[in-house]
C-alpha atoms as a PDB file:
ATOM      1  CA  MET A   1     -83.391  12.839 -51.147  1.00  0.00           C
ATOM      2  CA  GLY A   2     -84.085  17.123 -50.497  1.00  0.00           C
ATOM      3  CA  ILE A   3     -85.424  16.689 -47.203  1.00  0.00           C
ATOM      4  CA  ASN A   4     -82.406  14.548 -46.412  1.00  0.00           C
ATOM      5  CA  PHE A   5     -79.731  17.443 -47.673  1.00  0.00           C
ATOM      6  CA  LEU A   6     -81.597  20.004 -45.730  1.00  0.00           C
ATOM      7  CA  VAL A   7     -81.102  18.333 -43.027  1.00  0.00           C
ATOM      8  CA  ASP A   8     -77.623  16.568 -43.010  1.00  0.00           C
ATOM      9  CA  TRP A   9     -75.664  19.070 -44.752  1.00  0.00           C
ATOM     10  CA  GLY A  10     -77.831  22.069 -43.693  1.00  0.00           C
ATOM     11  CA  VAL A  11     -78.617  21.969 -40.651  1.00  0.00           C
ATOM     12  CA  TRP A  12     -77.029  19.130 -38.532  1.00  0.00           C
ATOM     13  CA  LEU A  13     -73.176  20.014 -40.221  1.00  0.00           C
ATOM     14  CA  HIS A  14     -73.566  23.605 -39.513  1.00  0.00           C
ATOM     15  CA  THR A  15     -74.874  22.731 -35.664  1.00  0.00           C
ATOM     16  CA  GLY A  16     -72.454  20.108 -35.154  1.00  0.00           C
ATOM     17  CA  ILE A  17     -74.740  17.581 -34.511  1.00  0.00           C
ATOM     18  CA  ARG A  18     -73.201  15.866 -37.693  1.00  0.00           C
ATOM     19  CA  GLU A  19     -69.237  15.390 -38.051  1.00  0.00           C
ATOM     20  CA  ILE A  20     -67.693  14.293 -41.294  1.00  0.00           C
ATOM     21  CA  THR A  21     -63.725  13.748 -41.741  1.00  0.00           C
ATOM     22  CA  LEU A  22     -62.737  13.905 -45.285  1.00  0.00           C
ATOM     23  CA  PRO A  23     -59.389  12.531 -47.109  1.00  0.00           C
ATOM     24  CA  SER A  24     -57.636  16.140 -47.898  1.00  0.00           C
ATOM     25  CA  GLY A  25     -58.253  16.856 -51.248  1.00  0.00           C
ATOM     26  CA  PHE A  26     -61.917  15.249 -51.647  1.00  0.00           C
ATOM     27  CA  PHE A  27     -63.698  16.404 -54.247  1.00  0.00           C
ATOM     28  CA  GLY A  28     -66.495  18.943 -54.100  1.00  0.00           C
ATOM     29  CA  GLY A  29     -65.805  18.346 -50.069  1.00  0.00           C
ATOM     30  CA  ALA A  30     -68.332  18.141 -47.477  1.00  0.00           C
ATOM     31  CA  PHE A  31     -70.819  19.561 -49.734  1.00  0.00           C
ATOM     32  CA  LEU A  32     -70.795  17.284 -52.756  1.00  0.00           C
ATOM     33  CA  PHE A  33     -70.497  14.172 -50.124  1.00  0.00           C
ATOM     34  CA  PHE A  34     -73.954  15.211 -48.769  1.00  0.00           C
ATOM     35  CA  ILE A  35     -75.247  15.373 -52.064  1.00  0.00           C
ATOM     36  CA  TRP A  36     -74.229  11.757 -52.741  1.00  0.00           C
ATOM     37  CA  PHE A  37     -75.377  10.556 -49.272  1.00  0.00           C
ATOM     38  CA  SER A  38     -79.030  11.906 -49.686  1.00  0.00           C
ATOM     39  CA  LEU A  39     -79.100   9.787 -52.937  1.00  0.00           C
ATOM     40  CA  SER A  40     -78.503   7.232 -51.257  1.00  0.00           C
ATOM     41  CA  TYR A  41     -80.868   7.307 -48.753  1.00  0.00           C
ATOM     42  CA  GLY A  42     -83.337   8.484 -51.490  1.00  0.00           C
ATOM     43  CA  VAL A  43     -83.586   4.884 -52.223  1.00  0.00           C
ATOM     44  CA  GLU A  44     -85.297   4.350 -48.986  1.00  0.00           C
ATOM     45  CA  TYR A  45     -88.017   6.994 -49.595  1.00  0.00           C
ATOM     46  CA  ALA A  46     -88.657   5.362 -53.399  1.00  0.00           C
ATOM     47  CA  TYR A  47     -88.852   2.209 -51.441  1.00  0.00           C
ATOM     48  CA  VAL A  48     -91.481   3.254 -48.789  1.00  0.00           C
ATOM     49  CA  PHE A  49     -93.762   5.124 -51.735  1.00  0.00           C
ATOM     50  CA  LEU A  50     -93.249   1.620 -53.844  1.00  0.00           C
ATOM     51  CA  MET A  51     -94.458  -0.271 -50.221  1.00  0.00           C
ATOM     52  CA  PHE A  52     -97.839   1.584 -50.344  1.00  0.00           C
ATOM     53  CA  ASP A  53     -99.142   1.124 -53.750  1.00  0.00           C
ATOM     54  CA  LYS A  54    -101.282  -1.897 -53.908  1.00  0.00           C
ATOM     55  CA  LYS A  55    -100.276  -2.690 -57.721  1.00  0.00           C
ATOM     56  CA  SER A  56     -96.320  -2.813 -56.601  1.00  0.00           C
ATOM     57  CA  ASN A  57     -94.507  -5.495 -57.008  1.00  0.00           C
ATOM     58  CA  LYS A  58     -93.417  -6.088 -53.213  1.00  0.00           C
ATOM     59  CA  ILE A  59     -91.143  -9.094 -53.220  1.00  0.00           C
ATOM     60  CA  ALA A  60     -88.991  -7.698 -56.792  1.00  0.00           C
ATOM     61  CA  TRP A  61     -88.493  -4.543 -55.266  1.00  0.00           C
ATOM     62  CA  THR A  62     -87.133  -5.912 -52.013  1.00  0.00           C
ATOM     63  CA  LEU A  63     -85.103  -8.088 -53.736  1.00  0.00           C
ATOM     64  CA  LEU A  64     -83.884  -5.523 -56.195  1.00  0.00           C
ATOM     65  CA  VAL A  65     -83.178  -2.986 -53.600  1.00  0.00           C
ATOM     66  CA  PHE A  66     -81.407  -5.780 -50.582  1.00  0.00           C
ATOM     67  CA  GLY A  67     -79.512  -7.390 -53.746  1.00  0.00           C
ATOM     68  CA  GLY A  68     -78.408  -3.897 -55.289  1.00  0.00           C
ATOM     69  CA  TRP A  69     -77.376  -2.739 -51.811  1.00  0.00           C
ATOM     70  CA  LEU A  70     -75.569  -6.309 -50.964  1.00  0.00           C
ATOM     71  CA  LEU A  71     -73.427  -6.248 -54.131  1.00  0.00           C
ATOM     72  CA  VAL A  72     -72.413  -3.042 -53.981  1.00  0.00           C
ATOM     73  CA  ALA A  73     -71.462  -3.483 -50.692  1.00  0.00           C
ATOM     74  CA  PHE A  74     -69.207  -6.228 -51.256  1.00  0.00           C
ATOM     75  CA  LEU A  75     -67.869  -5.232 -54.621  1.00  0.00           C
ATOM     76  CA  SER A  76     -66.329  -1.921 -53.163  1.00  0.00           C
ATOM     77  CA  GLN A  77     -65.208  -4.025 -50.659  1.00  0.00           C
ATOM     78  CA  LEU A  78     -63.361  -6.168 -53.287  1.00  0.00           C
ATOM     79  CA  PHE A  79     -62.777  -3.508 -55.346  1.00  0.00           C
ATOM     80  CA  SER A  80     -60.415  -0.390 -53.948  1.00  0.00           C
ATOM     81  CA  ILE A  81     -60.069   2.347 -56.354  1.00  0.00           C
ATOM     82  CA  LYS A  82     -59.073   4.353 -53.314  1.00  0.00           C
ATOM     83  CA  ASP A  83     -59.858   3.592 -49.623  1.00  0.00           C
ATOM     84  CA  SER A  84     -59.942   6.434 -48.491  1.00  0.00           C
ATOM     85  CA  SER A  85     -61.663   6.845 -45.140  1.00  0.00           C
ATOM     86  CA  ILE A  86     -64.826   8.898 -44.648  1.00  0.00           C
ATOM     87  CA  MET A  87     -66.100   9.131 -41.285  1.00  0.00           C
ATOM     88  CA  VAL A  88     -69.847  10.567 -40.845  1.00  0.00           C
ATOM     89  CA  VAL A  89     -70.736  10.860 -37.111  1.00  0.00           C
ATOM     90  CA  ARG A  90     -73.783  11.881 -35.570  1.00  0.00           C
ATOM     91  CA  HIS A  91     -74.697  13.294 -31.938  1.00  0.00           C
ATOM     92  CA  MET A  92     -78.115  12.079 -31.251  1.00  0.00           C
ATOM     93  CA  PHE A  93     -78.047  10.247 -27.978  1.00  0.00           C
ATOM     94  CA  SER A  94     -79.790  13.399 -26.445  1.00  0.00           C
ATOM     95  CA  PHE A  95     -81.943  13.318 -28.896  1.00  0.00           C
ATOM     96  CA  ARG A  96     -82.906   9.466 -28.618  1.00  0.00           C
ATOM     97  CA  ILE A  97     -86.368  10.763 -26.483  1.00  0.00           C
ATOM     98  CA  LEU A  98     -87.404  12.833 -29.280  1.00  0.00           C
ATOM     99  CA  ARG A  99     -86.771   9.806 -31.931  1.00  0.00           C
ATOM    100  CA  VAL A 100     -88.930   7.773 -30.671  1.00  0.00           C
ATOM    101  CA  LEU A 101     -91.227  10.623 -29.769  1.00  0.00           C
ATOM    102  CA  LEU A 102     -91.651  10.913 -33.654  1.00  0.00           C
ATOM    103  CA  VAL A 103     -92.176   7.388 -34.079  1.00  0.00           C
ATOM    104  CA  LEU A 104     -95.085   7.304 -31.880  1.00  0.00           C
ATOM    105  CA  ILE A 105     -96.812  10.820 -32.703  1.00  0.00           C
ATOM    106  CA  GLY A 106     -96.637   9.353 -36.541  1.00  0.00           C
ATOM    107  CA  TYR A 107     -98.256   5.888 -35.763  1.00  0.00           C
ATOM    108  CA  SER A 108    -100.672   7.583 -33.271  1.00  0.00           C
ATOM    109  CA  LEU A 109    -102.153   9.176 -35.887  1.00  0.00           C
ATOM    110  CA  LEU A 110    -102.397   6.786 -37.865  1.00  0.00           C
ATOM    111  CA  PHE A 111    -104.532   5.345 -35.623  1.00  0.00           C
ATOM    112  CA  ILE A 112    -106.455   8.856 -34.698  1.00  0.00           C
ATOM    113  CA  PHE A 113    -107.730   8.681 -38.521  1.00  0.00           C
ATOM    114  CA  LYS A 114    -109.305   5.231 -37.702  1.00  0.00           C
ATOM    115  CA  TYR A 115    -106.487   2.721 -40.022  1.00  0.00           C
ATOM    116  CA  ASP A 116    -106.280  -0.498 -39.214  1.00  0.00           C
ATOM    117  CA  TRP A 117    -103.977  -1.567 -37.021  1.00  0.00           C
ATOM    118  CA  LYS A 118    -102.619  -4.632 -39.884  1.00  0.00           C
ATOM    119  CA  LYS A 119    -102.116  -1.364 -42.171  1.00  0.00           C
ATOM    120  CA  ILE A 120    -100.271   0.433 -39.281  1.00  0.00           C
ATOM    121  CA  LEU A 121     -98.315  -3.040 -38.365  1.00  0.00           C
ATOM    122  CA  TYR A 122     -97.421  -3.008 -42.135  1.00  0.00           C
ATOM    123  CA  LEU A 123     -96.470   0.459 -42.397  1.00  0.00           C
ATOM    124  CA  PHE A 124     -94.275  -0.163 -39.111  1.00  0.00           C
ATOM    125  CA  PHE A 125     -92.374  -3.712 -40.743  1.00  0.00           C
ATOM    126  CA  VAL A 126     -92.044  -1.023 -44.052  1.00  0.00           C
ATOM    127  CA  GLY A 127     -90.457   1.642 -42.261  1.00  0.00           C
ATOM    128  CA  PHE A 128     -88.131  -1.189 -40.096  1.00  0.00           C
ATOM    129  CA  LEU A 129     -87.270  -3.828 -43.297  1.00  0.00           C
ATOM    130  CA  ILE A 130     -86.121  -0.541 -45.725  1.00  0.00           C
ATOM    131  CA  HIS A 131     -83.817   0.787 -42.534  1.00  0.00           C
ATOM    132  CA  PHE A 132     -82.276  -2.638 -41.596  1.00  0.00           C
ATOM    133  CA  MET A 133     -81.720  -3.733 -45.456  1.00  0.00           C
ATOM    134  CA  MET A 134     -79.327  -0.921 -45.847  1.00  0.00           C
ATOM    135  CA  GLU A 135     -77.176  -0.516 -42.488  1.00  0.00           C
ATOM    136  CA  PHE A 136     -77.320  -4.686 -42.476  1.00  0.00           C
ATOM    137  CA  SER A 137     -75.710  -4.425 -45.967  1.00  0.00           C
ATOM    138  CA  LEU A 138     -72.822  -1.790 -44.268  1.00  0.00           C
ATOM    139  CA  PHE A 139     -72.795  -4.189 -41.404  1.00  0.00           C
ATOM    140  CA  VAL A 140     -72.158  -7.434 -43.065  1.00  0.00           C
ATOM    141  CA  SER A 141     -69.554  -6.012 -45.800  1.00  0.00           C
ATOM    142  CA  GLY A 142     -67.303  -3.888 -43.660  1.00  0.00           C
ATOM    143  CA  ILE A 143     -68.244  -0.797 -44.407  1.00  0.00           C
ATOM    144  CA  ARG A 144     -69.854   0.223 -41.376  1.00  0.00           C
ATOM    145  CA  PRO A 145     -68.410  -0.711 -37.721  1.00  0.00           C
ATOM    146  CA  GLY A 146     -70.721  -1.216 -34.996  1.00  0.00           C
ATOM    147  CA  ASP A 147     -72.874  -3.784 -33.341  1.00  0.00           C
ATOM    148  CA  PHE A 148     -76.247  -5.871 -34.669  1.00  0.00           C
ATOM    149  CA  LEU A 149     -78.320  -3.686 -31.057  1.00  0.00           C
ATOM    150  CA  ILE A 150     -77.255  -0.671 -32.547  1.00  0.00           C
ATOM    151  CA  LEU A 151     -78.107  -1.639 -35.806  1.00  0.00           C
ATOM    152  CA  LEU A 152     -81.291  -3.219 -34.813  1.00  0.00           C
ATOM    153  CA  GLU A 153     -82.558   0.216 -32.816  1.00  0.00           C
ATOM    154  CA  ASN A 154     -81.639   2.517 -35.434  1.00  0.00           C
ATOM    155  CA  SER A 155     -83.661   0.170 -37.876  1.00  0.00           C
ATOM    156  CA  LEU A 156     -87.130   0.117 -35.588  1.00  0.00           C
ATOM    157  CA  VAL A 157     -86.501   4.282 -35.247  1.00  0.00           C
ATOM    158  CA  GLU A 158     -84.590   5.980 -37.848  1.00  0.00           C
ATOM    159  CA  PHE A 159     -86.904   5.260 -40.914  1.00  0.00           C
ATOM    160  CA  ASN A 160     -90.228   4.685 -38.565  1.00  0.00           C
ATOM    161  CA  MET A 161     -89.873   8.550 -37.886  1.00  0.00           C
ATOM    162  CA  GLY A 162     -91.281   9.528 -41.142  1.00  0.00           C
ATOM    163  CA  VAL A 163     -92.812   6.431 -42.486  1.00  0.00           C
ATOM    164  CA  PRO A 164     -96.832   7.053 -41.125  1.00  0.00           C
ATOM    165  CA  PHE A 165     -96.375  10.899 -42.345  1.00  0.00           C
ATOM    166  CA  PHE A 166     -95.286   9.761 -45.650  1.00  0.00           C
ATOM    167  CA  TYR A 167     -98.071   7.591 -45.657  1.00  0.00           C
ATOM    168  CA  LEU A 168    -100.488  10.113 -44.643  1.00  0.00           C
ATOM    169  CA  ILE A 169     -99.540  12.771 -47.381  1.00  0.00           C
ATOM    170  CA  TYR A 170     -99.458   9.526 -50.026  1.00  0.00           C
ATOM    171  CA  ASP A 171    -102.732   8.418 -49.159  1.00  0.00           C
ATOM    172  CA  LYS A 172    -104.638  12.182 -48.208  1.00  0.00           C
ATOM    173  CA  TRP A 173    -102.972  13.539 -50.851  1.00  0.00           C
ATOM    174  CA  LEU A 174    -100.738  11.978 -53.439  1.00  0.00           C
ATOM    175  CA  LYS A 175    -102.901   8.315 -53.856  1.00  0.00           C
ATOM    176  CA  LYS A 176    -105.912  11.260 -55.718  1.00  0.00           C
ATOM    177  CA  LYS A 177    -103.221  12.697 -57.922  1.00  0.00           C
ATOM    178  CA  ILE A 178    -102.197   9.967 -59.186  1.00  0.00           C
ATOM    179  CA  VAL A 179    -105.082   7.942 -59.723  1.00  0.00           C
ATOM    180  CA  GLY A 180    -106.451  11.391 -61.547  1.00  0.00           C
ATOM    181  CA  LYS A 181    -103.775  11.398 -63.552  1.00  0.00           C
ATOM    182  CA  LYS A 182    -104.410   7.485 -64.694  1.00  0.00           C
END
């Protein structure tokens, strides 16, 4: 959560990469909005780390996260408390190559560290799936307009920029700390 908040609010918003339009009188302004925004992305981080653990019930966690996102998305359409629009725009077109390069560098590192190709494909699928589930729930409920190709592109790249690095941190450092405490 902290990473997303620092990047979204601290860097992107203040450099013009990210724009936000809030309803007038929005409580807490952009600062509070980006805390909430980062919390929602925090689910993605938690999910990915759960998928790294061999003992986690991957199907149950996947159904819980996806079902939860769909439920919240559709319920928010049924029960409109205050339907003020919030518009968030990220100007990333010029960063498209950098994003793809980060994905390639991350997964190349896994090959360099001699991880099995099945593990690498699994990690890529996890990175794709978690972002796809979130974007799909927003897309099918009408919360986030767009088209399916943008959803697909974002799902392939967005969270996969970090998954190989998260896995290296998990496998080389965190797993040993967790096992040592059991």
